[in-house]
Amino acid sequence: ASRRASITVRDILAASQWQPLPQRGYQCMSCCRVFPTLWSVKTHIQHSSQEGYSCKVYYRRLKALWEKEHKEQEAAAPRV
């Protein structure tokens, strides 16, 4: 059974680390909109479906992929 992963500020920052912005703000990596604060981008992601975007789905899928990759790396790591 797949559980719904909640999107955290850490997830947003991790996703945006590869996308430097020329201006100040935080970019939603799904729709590319720029927000002035981390709180505003997180609120946008949480309510994106009301605005006609699927950003929440994007971040949930991204987080699920990261978790899967992390588990695979742990399984492949040699045990001492």
PDB file of N, CA and C in Angstrom:
ATOM      1  N   ALA A   1       0.855  -1.187   0.000  1.00  0.00           N
ATOM      2  CA  ALA A   1       0.000   0.000   0.000  1.00  0.00           C
ATOM      3  C   ALA A   1       0.886   1.231   0.000  1.00  0.00           C
ATOM      4  N   SER A   2       0.594   2.159  -0.884  1.00  0.00           N
ATOM      5  CA  SER A   2       1.411   3.369  -0.936  1.00  0.00           C
ATOM      6  C   SER A   2       0.784   4.433  -0.050  1.00  0.00           C
ATOM      7  N   ARG A   3       1.614   5.027   0.770  1.00  0.00           N
ATOM      8  CA  ARG A   3       1.112   6.087   1.626  1.00  0.00           C
ATOM      9  C   ARG A   3       1.453   7.419   0.985  1.00  0.00           C
ATOM     10  N   ARG A   4       0.638   8.400   1.302  1.00  0.00           N
ATOM     11  CA  ARG A   4       0.864   9.728   0.749  1.00  0.00           C
ATOM     12  C   ARG A   4       1.966  10.422   1.522  1.00  0.00           C
ATOM     13  N   ALA A   5       3.042  10.752   0.857  1.00  0.00           N
ATOM     14  CA  ALA A   5       4.158  11.434   1.506  1.00  0.00           C
ATOM     15  C   ALA A   5       3.845  12.920   1.605  1.00  0.00           C
ATOM     16  N   SER A   6       4.059  13.492   2.777  1.00  0.00           N
ATOM     17  CA  SER A   6       3.855  14.924   2.904  1.00  0.00           C
ATOM     18  C   SER A   6       5.118  15.631   2.423  1.00  0.00           C
ATOM     19  N   ILE A   7       4.930  16.742   1.785  1.00  0.00           N
ATOM     20  CA  ILE A   7       6.038  17.506   1.244  1.00  0.00           C
ATOM     21  C   ILE A   7       6.544  18.453   2.320  1.00  0.00           C
ATOM     22  N   THR A   8       7.824  18.376   2.602  1.00  0.00           N
ATOM     23  CA  THR A   8       8.425  19.215   3.636  1.00  0.00           C
ATOM     24  C   THR A   8       9.251  20.324   3.000  1.00  0.00           C
ATOM     25  N   VAL A   9       9.621  21.280   3.817  1.00  0.00           N
ATOM     26  CA  VAL A   9      10.498  22.363   3.364  1.00  0.00           C
ATOM     27  C   VAL A   9      11.811  21.780   2.870  1.00  0.00           C
ATOM     28  N   ARG A  10      12.299  20.762   3.549  1.00  0.00           N
ATOM     29  CA  ARG A  10      13.550  20.105   3.139  1.00  0.00           C
ATOM     30  C   ARG A  10      13.422  19.533   1.725  1.00  0.00           C
ATOM     31  N   ASP A  11      12.256  18.959   1.412  1.00  0.00           N
ATOM     32  CA  ASP A  11      12.031  18.413   0.071  1.00  0.00           C
ATOM     33  C   ASP A  11      12.064  19.513  -0.986  1.00  0.00           C
ATOM     34  N   ILE A  12      11.446  20.630  -0.667  1.00  0.00           N
ATOM     35  CA  ILE A  12      11.411  21.759  -1.613  1.00  0.00           C
ATOM     36  C   ILE A  12      12.818  22.276  -1.862  1.00  0.00           C
ATOM     37  N   LEU A  13      13.587  22.446  -0.791  1.00  0.00           N
ATOM     38  CA  LEU A  13      14.962  22.927  -0.938  1.00  0.00           C
ATOM     39  C   LEU A  13      15.828  21.927  -1.697  1.00  0.00           C
ATOM     40  N   ALA A  14      15.646  20.645  -1.426  1.00  0.00           N
ATOM     41  CA  ALA A  14      16.425  19.625  -2.127  1.00  0.00           C
ATOM     42  C   ALA A  14      16.107  19.636  -3.614  1.00  0.00           C
ATOM     43  N   ALA A  15      14.860  19.782  -3.955  1.00  0.00           N
ATOM     44  CA  ALA A  15      14.471  19.796  -5.372  1.00  0.00           C
ATOM     45  C   ALA A  15      15.010  21.024  -6.084  1.00  0.00           C
ATOM     46  N   SER A  16      15.093  22.138  -5.379  1.00  0.00           N
ATOM     47  CA  SER A  16      15.509  23.376  -6.031  1.00  0.00           C
ATOM     48  C   SER A  16      17.012  23.605  -6.016  1.00  0.00           C
ATOM     49  N   GLN A  17      17.790  22.737  -5.393  1.00  0.00           N
ATOM     50  CA  GLN A  17      19.230  22.974  -5.281  1.00  0.00           C
ATOM     51  C   GLN A  17      19.937  22.976  -6.633  1.00  0.00           C
ATOM     52  N   TRP A  18      19.360  22.332  -7.629  1.00  0.00           N
ATOM     53  CA  TRP A  18      20.000  22.279  -8.951  1.00  0.00           C
ATOM     54  C   TRP A  18      19.556  23.415  -9.852  1.00  0.00           C
ATOM     55  N   GLN A  19      18.702  24.292  -9.356  1.00  0.00           N
ATOM     56  CA  GLN A  19      18.147  25.346 -10.189  1.00  0.00           C
ATOM     57  C   GLN A  19      18.412  26.705  -9.550  1.00  0.00           C
ATOM     58  N   PRO A  20      19.590  27.268  -9.757  1.00  0.00           N
ATOM     59  CA  PRO A  20      19.852  28.581  -9.182  1.00  0.00           C
ATOM     60  C   PRO A  20      19.001  29.651  -9.873  1.00  0.00           C
ATOM     61  N   LEU A  21      18.512  30.584  -9.094  1.00  0.00           N
ATOM     62  CA  LEU A  21      17.681  31.652  -9.635  1.00  0.00           C
ATOM     63  C   LEU A  21      18.475  32.943  -9.735  1.00  0.00           C
ATOM     64  N   PRO A  22      18.280  33.680 -10.810  1.00  0.00           N
ATOM     65  CA  PRO A  22      18.976  34.955 -10.936  1.00  0.00           C
ATOM     66  C   PRO A  22      18.408  35.998  -9.973  1.00  0.00           C
ATOM     67  N   GLN A  23      17.182  35.821  -9.543  1.00  0.00           N
ATOM     68  CA  GLN A  23      16.559  36.765  -8.615  1.00  0.00           C
ATOM     69  C   GLN A  23      16.334  36.085  -7.276  1.00  0.00           C
ATOM     70  N   ARG A  24      15.883  36.836  -6.327  1.00  0.00           N
ATOM     71  CA  ARG A  24      15.601  36.273  -5.007  1.00  0.00           C
ATOM     72  C   ARG A  24      14.276  35.536  -5.037  1.00  0.00           C
ATOM     73  N   GLY A  25      14.229  34.474  -4.281  1.00  0.00           N
ATOM     74  CA  GLY A  25      12.983  33.742  -4.170  1.00  0.00           C
ATOM     75  C   GLY A  25      13.200  32.249  -4.288  1.00  0.00           C
ATOM     76  N   TYR A  26      12.107  31.537  -4.238  1.00  0.00           N
ATOM     77  CA  TYR A  26      12.115  30.084  -4.326  1.00  0.00           C
ATOM     78  C   TYR A  26      11.235  29.670  -5.489  1.00  0.00           C
ATOM     79  N   GLN A  27      11.752  28.779  -6.300  1.00  0.00           N
ATOM     80  CA  GLN A  27      11.032  28.362  -7.496  1.00  0.00           C
ATOM     81  C   GLN A  27      10.354  27.021  -7.265  1.00  0.00           C
ATOM     82  N   CYS A  28       9.096  26.930  -7.659  1.00  0.00           N
ATOM     83  CA  CYS A  28       8.414  25.648  -7.679  1.00  0.00           C
ATOM     84  C   CYS A  28       8.974  24.901  -8.875  1.00  0.00           C
ATOM     85  N   MET A  29       9.549  23.737  -8.628  1.00  0.00           N
ATOM     86  CA  MET A  29      10.210  23.008  -9.696  1.00  0.00           C
ATOM     87  C   MET A  29       9.218  22.361 -10.654  1.00  0.00           C
ATOM     88  N   SER A  30       7.956  22.346 -10.296  1.00  0.00           N
ATOM     89  CA  SER A  30       6.946  21.766 -11.163  1.00  0.00           C
ATOM     90  C   SER A  30       6.443  22.777 -12.194  1.00  0.00           C
ATOM     91  N   CYS A  31       5.997  23.936 -11.724  1.00  0.00           N
ATOM     92  CA  CYS A  31       5.411  24.916 -12.647  1.00  0.00           C
ATOM     93  C   CYS A  31       6.346  26.082 -12.948  1.00  0.00           C
ATOM     94  N   CYS A  32       7.494  26.119 -12.267  1.00  0.00           N
ATOM     95  CA  CYS A  32       8.540  27.134 -12.470  1.00  0.00           C
ATOM     96  C   CYS A  32       8.168  28.538 -11.986  1.00  0.00           C
ATOM     97  N   ARG A  33       7.076  28.661 -11.246  1.00  0.00           N
ATOM     98  CA  ARG A  33       6.736  29.962 -10.677  1.00  0.00           C
ATOM     99  C   ARG A  33       7.702  30.269  -9.535  1.00  0.00           C
ATOM    100  N   VAL A  34       7.993  31.552  -9.335  1.00  0.00           N
ATOM    101  CA  VAL A  34       8.912  31.984  -8.289  1.00  0.00           C
ATOM    102  C   VAL A  34       8.103  32.657  -7.183  1.00  0.00           C
ATOM    103  N   PHE A  35       8.437  32.296  -5.941  1.00  0.00           N
ATOM    104  CA  PHE A  35       7.738  32.820  -4.776  1.00  0.00           C
ATOM    105  C   PHE A  35       8.738  33.504  -3.858  1.00  0.00           C
ATOM    106  N   PRO A  36       8.293  34.536  -3.144  1.00  0.00           N
ATOM    107  CA  PRO A  36       9.236  35.308  -2.320  1.00  0.00           C
ATOM    108  C   PRO A  36       9.748  34.579  -1.088  1.00  0.00           C
ATOM    109  N   THR A  37       8.967  33.655  -0.544  1.00  0.00           N
ATOM    110  CA  THR A  37       9.384  32.957   0.672  1.00  0.00           C
ATOM    111  C   THR A  37       9.205  31.455   0.501  1.00  0.00           C
ATOM    112  N   LEU A  38       9.903  30.722   1.320  1.00  0.00           N
ATOM    113  CA  LEU A  38       9.771  29.269   1.326  1.00  0.00           C
ATOM    114  C   LEU A  38       8.355  28.874   1.748  1.00  0.00           C
ATOM    115  N   TRP A  39       7.800  29.602   2.713  1.00  0.00           N
ATOM    116  CA  TRP A  39       6.439  29.340   3.163  1.00  0.00           C
ATOM    117  C   TRP A  39       5.438  29.506   2.013  1.00  0.00           C
ATOM    118  N   SER A  40       5.609  30.538   1.194  1.00  0.00           N
ATOM    119  CA  SER A  40       4.663  30.774   0.097  1.00  0.00           C
ATOM    120  C   SER A  40       4.744  29.684  -0.972  1.00  0.00           C
ATOM    121  N   VAL A  41       5.929  29.169  -1.260  1.00  0.00           N
ATOM    122  CA  VAL A  41       6.029  28.082  -2.245  1.00  0.00           C
ATOM    123  C   VAL A  41       5.443  26.798  -1.668  1.00  0.00           C
ATOM    124  N   LYS A  42       5.634  26.564  -0.370  1.00  0.00           N
ATOM    125  CA  LYS A  42       5.049  25.370   0.242  1.00  0.00           C
ATOM    126  C   LYS A  42       3.523  25.462   0.228  1.00  0.00           C
ATOM    127  N   THR A  43       2.985  26.621   0.542  1.00  0.00           N
ATOM    128  CA  THR A  43       1.533  26.824   0.492  1.00  0.00           C
ATOM    129  C   THR A  43       1.018  26.631  -0.930  1.00  0.00           C
ATOM    130  N   HIS A  44       1.744  27.142  -1.902  1.00  0.00           N
ATOM    131  CA  HIS A  44       1.375  26.960  -3.310  1.00  0.00           C
ATOM    132  C   HIS A  44       1.305  25.478  -3.661  1.00  0.00           C
ATOM    133  N   ILE A  45       2.313  24.720  -3.252  1.00  0.00           N
ATOM    134  CA  ILE A  45       2.346  23.288  -3.570  1.00  0.00           C
ATOM    135  C   ILE A  45       1.161  22.583  -2.934  1.00  0.00           C
ATOM    136  N   GLN A  46       0.870  22.912  -1.680  1.00  0.00           N
ATOM    137  CA  GLN A  46      -0.233  22.257  -0.982  1.00  0.00           C
ATOM    138  C   GLN A  46      -1.586  22.540  -1.643  1.00  0.00           C
ATOM    139  N   HIS A  47      -1.752  23.736  -2.203  1.00  0.00           N
ATOM    140  CA  HIS A  47      -3.036  24.139  -2.777  1.00  0.00           C
ATOM    141  C   HIS A  47      -2.985  24.276  -4.295  1.00  0.00           C
ATOM    142  N   SER A  48      -1.998  23.668  -4.918  1.00  0.00           N
ATOM    143  CA  SER A  48      -1.799  23.847  -6.358  1.00  0.00           C
ATOM    144  C   SER A  48      -2.975  23.364  -7.193  1.00  0.00           C
ATOM    145  N   SER A  49      -3.650  22.312  -6.756  1.00  0.00           N
ATOM    146  CA  SER A  49      -4.772  21.803  -7.554  1.00  0.00           C
ATOM    147  C   SER A  49      -5.901  22.821  -7.635  1.00  0.00           C
ATOM    148  N   GLN A  50      -6.054  23.659  -6.619  1.00  0.00           N
ATOM    149  CA  GLN A  50      -7.074  24.698  -6.639  1.00  0.00           C
ATOM    150  C   GLN A  50      -6.728  25.798  -7.635  1.00  0.00           C
ATOM    151  N   GLU A  51      -5.441  25.910  -7.951  1.00  0.00           N
ATOM    152  CA  GLU A  51      -4.971  26.919  -8.892  1.00  0.00           C
ATOM    153  C   GLU A  51      -4.832  26.357 -10.311  1.00  0.00           C
ATOM    154  N   GLY A  52      -5.131  25.079 -10.466  1.00  0.00           N
ATOM    155  CA  GLY A  52      -5.037  24.465 -11.790  1.00  0.00           C
ATOM    156  C   GLY A  52      -3.685  23.848 -12.094  1.00  0.00           C
ATOM    157  N   TYR A  53      -2.846  23.679 -11.081  1.00  0.00           N
ATOM    158  CA  TYR A  53      -1.528  23.087 -11.260  1.00  0.00           C
ATOM    159  C   TYR A  53      -1.497  21.699 -10.616  1.00  0.00           C
ATOM    160  N   SER A  54      -0.519  20.904 -11.000  1.00  0.00           N
ATOM    161  CA  SER A  54      -0.353  19.576 -10.399  1.00  0.00           C
ATOM    162  C   SER A  54       0.972  19.482  -9.642  1.00  0.00           C
ATOM    163  N   CYS A  55       1.388  20.571  -9.043  1.00  0.00           N
ATOM    164  CA  CYS A  55       2.672  20.636  -8.356  1.00  0.00           C
ATOM    165  C   CYS A  55       2.755  19.657  -7.189  1.00  0.00           C
ATOM    166  N   LYS A  56       1.673  19.498  -6.456  1.00  0.00           N
ATOM    167  CA  LYS A  56       1.677  18.587  -5.316  1.00  0.00           C
ATOM    168  C   LYS A  56       1.948  17.165  -5.783  1.00  0.00           C
ATOM    169  N   VAL A  57       1.363  16.787  -6.900  1.00  0.00           N
ATOM    170  CA  VAL A  57       1.591  15.460  -7.461  1.00  0.00           C
ATOM    171  C   VAL A  57       3.059  15.314  -7.843  1.00  0.00           C
ATOM    172  N   TYR A  58       3.617  16.331  -8.467  1.00  0.00           N
ATOM    173  CA  TYR A  58       5.019  16.319  -8.880  1.00  0.00           C
ATOM    174  C   TYR A  58       5.936  16.089  -7.673  1.00  0.00           C
ATOM    175  N   TYR A  59       5.747  16.889  -6.624  1.00  0.00           N
ATOM    176  CA  TYR A  59       6.615  16.772  -5.456  1.00  0.00           C
ATOM    177  C   TYR A  59       6.418  15.446  -4.730  1.00  0.00           C
ATOM    178  N   ARG A  60       5.193  14.955  -4.661  1.00  0.00           N
ATOM    179  CA  ARG A  60       4.970  13.644  -4.037  1.00  0.00           C
ATOM    180  C   ARG A  60       5.683  12.550  -4.817  1.00  0.00           C
ATOM    181  N   ARG A  61       5.598  12.602  -6.125  1.00  0.00           N
ATOM    182  CA  ARG A  61       6.263  11.596  -6.959  1.00  0.00           C
ATOM    183  C   ARG A  61       7.778  11.712  -6.821  1.00  0.00           C
ATOM    184  N   LEU A  62       8.281  12.924  -6.807  1.00  0.00           N
ATOM    185  CA  LEU A  62       9.712  13.143  -6.646  1.00  0.00           C
ATOM    186  C   LEU A  62      10.187  12.593  -5.305  1.00  0.00           C
ATOM    187  N   LYS A  63       9.434  12.857  -4.250  1.00  0.00           N
ATOM    188  CA  LYS A  63       9.812  12.366  -2.934  1.00  0.00           C
ATOM    189  C   LYS A  63       9.775  10.837  -2.899  1.00  0.00           C
ATOM    190  N   ALA A  64       8.771  10.244  -3.523  1.00  0.00           N
ATOM    191  CA  ALA A  64       8.678   8.785  -3.570  1.00  0.00           C
ATOM    192  C   ALA A  64       9.876   8.192  -4.304  1.00  0.00           C
ATOM    193  N   LEU A  65      10.307   8.827  -5.390  1.00  0.00           N
ATOM    194  CA  LEU A  65      11.476   8.357  -6.134  1.00  0.00           C
ATOM    195  C   LEU A  65      12.742   8.469  -5.291  1.00  0.00           C
ATOM    196  N   TRP A  66      12.883   9.566  -4.552  1.00  0.00           N
ATOM    197  CA  TRP A  66      14.047   9.733  -3.678  1.00  0.00           C
ATOM    198  C   TRP A  66      14.073   8.657  -2.609  1.00  0.00           C
ATOM    199  N   GLU A  67      12.903   8.395  -2.000  1.00  0.00           N
ATOM    200  CA  GLU A  67      12.837   7.375  -0.955  1.00  0.00           C
ATOM    201  C   GLU A  67      13.175   5.999  -1.515  1.00  0.00           C
ATOM    202  N   LYS A  68      12.692   5.703  -2.714  1.00  0.00           N
ATOM    203  CA  LYS A  68      12.994   4.418  -3.352  1.00  0.00           C
ATOM    204  C   LYS A  68      14.488   4.305  -3.631  1.00  0.00           C
ATOM    205  N   GLU A  69      15.071   5.381  -4.149  1.00  0.00           N
ATOM    206  CA  GLU A  69      16.507   5.392  -4.435  1.00  0.00           C
ATOM    207  C   GLU A  69      17.311   5.215  -3.154  1.00  0.00           C
ATOM    208  N   HIS A  70      16.891   5.864  -2.088  1.00  0.00           N
ATOM    209  CA  HIS A  70      17.580   5.759  -0.804  1.00  0.00           C
ATOM    210  C   HIS A  70      17.528   4.316  -0.282  1.00  0.00           C
ATOM    211  N   LYS A  71      16.374   3.688  -0.374  1.00  0.00           N
ATOM    212  CA  LYS A  71      16.237   2.299   0.077  1.00  0.00           C
ATOM    213  C   LYS A  71      17.098   1.363  -0.763  1.00  0.00           C
ATOM    214  N   GLU A  72      17.168   1.601  -2.074  1.00  0.00           N
ATOM    215  CA  GLU A  72      18.004   0.775  -2.949  1.00  0.00           C
ATOM    216  C   GLU A  72      19.472   0.936  -2.605  1.00  0.00           C
ATOM    217  N   GLN A  73      19.880   2.156  -2.293  1.00  0.00           N
ATOM    218  CA  GLN A  73      21.272   2.394  -1.913  1.00  0.00           C
ATOM    219  C   GLN A  73      21.596   1.715  -0.594  1.00  0.00           C
ATOM    220  N   GLU A  74      20.660   1.765   0.351  1.00  0.00           N
ATOM    221  CA  GLU A  74      20.876   1.092   1.638  1.00  0.00           C
ATOM    222  C   GLU A  74      20.978  -0.419   1.441  1.00  0.00           C
ATOM    223  N   ALA A  75      20.147  -0.973   0.567  1.00  0.00           N
ATOM    224  CA  ALA A  75      20.154  -2.416   0.321  1.00  0.00           C
ATOM    225  C   ALA A  75      21.443  -2.843  -0.371  1.00  0.00           C
ATOM    226  N   ALA A  76      21.987  -1.973  -1.219  1.00  0.00           N
ATOM    227  CA  ALA A  76      23.199  -2.306  -1.957  1.00  0.00           C
ATOM    228  C   ALA A  76      24.465  -2.089  -1.128  1.00  0.00           C
ATOM    229  N   ALA A  77      24.362  -1.331  -0.039  1.00  0.00           N
ATOM    230  CA  ALA A  77      25.527  -1.045   0.785  1.00  0.00           C
ATOM    231  C   ALA A  77      25.981  -2.308   1.511  1.00  0.00           C
ATOM    232  N   PRO A  78      27.280  -2.521   1.545  1.00  0.00           N
ATOM    233  CA  PRO A  78      27.791  -3.702   2.262  1.00  0.00           C
ATOM    234  C   PRO A  78      27.526  -3.568   3.745  1.00  0.00           C
ATOM    235  N   ARG A  79      27.104  -4.659   4.340  1.00  0.00           N
ATOM    236  CA  ARG A  79      26.833  -4.665   5.776  1.00  0.00           C
ATOM    237  C   ARG A  79      28.068  -5.123   6.523  1.00  0.00           C
ATOM    238  N   VAL A  80      28.322  -4.483   7.631  1.00  0.00           N
ATOM    239  CA  VAL A  80      29.507  -4.794   8.438  1.00  0.00           C
ATOM    240  C   VAL A  80      29.134  -5.677   9.599  1.00  0.00           C
TER     241      VAL A  80
END
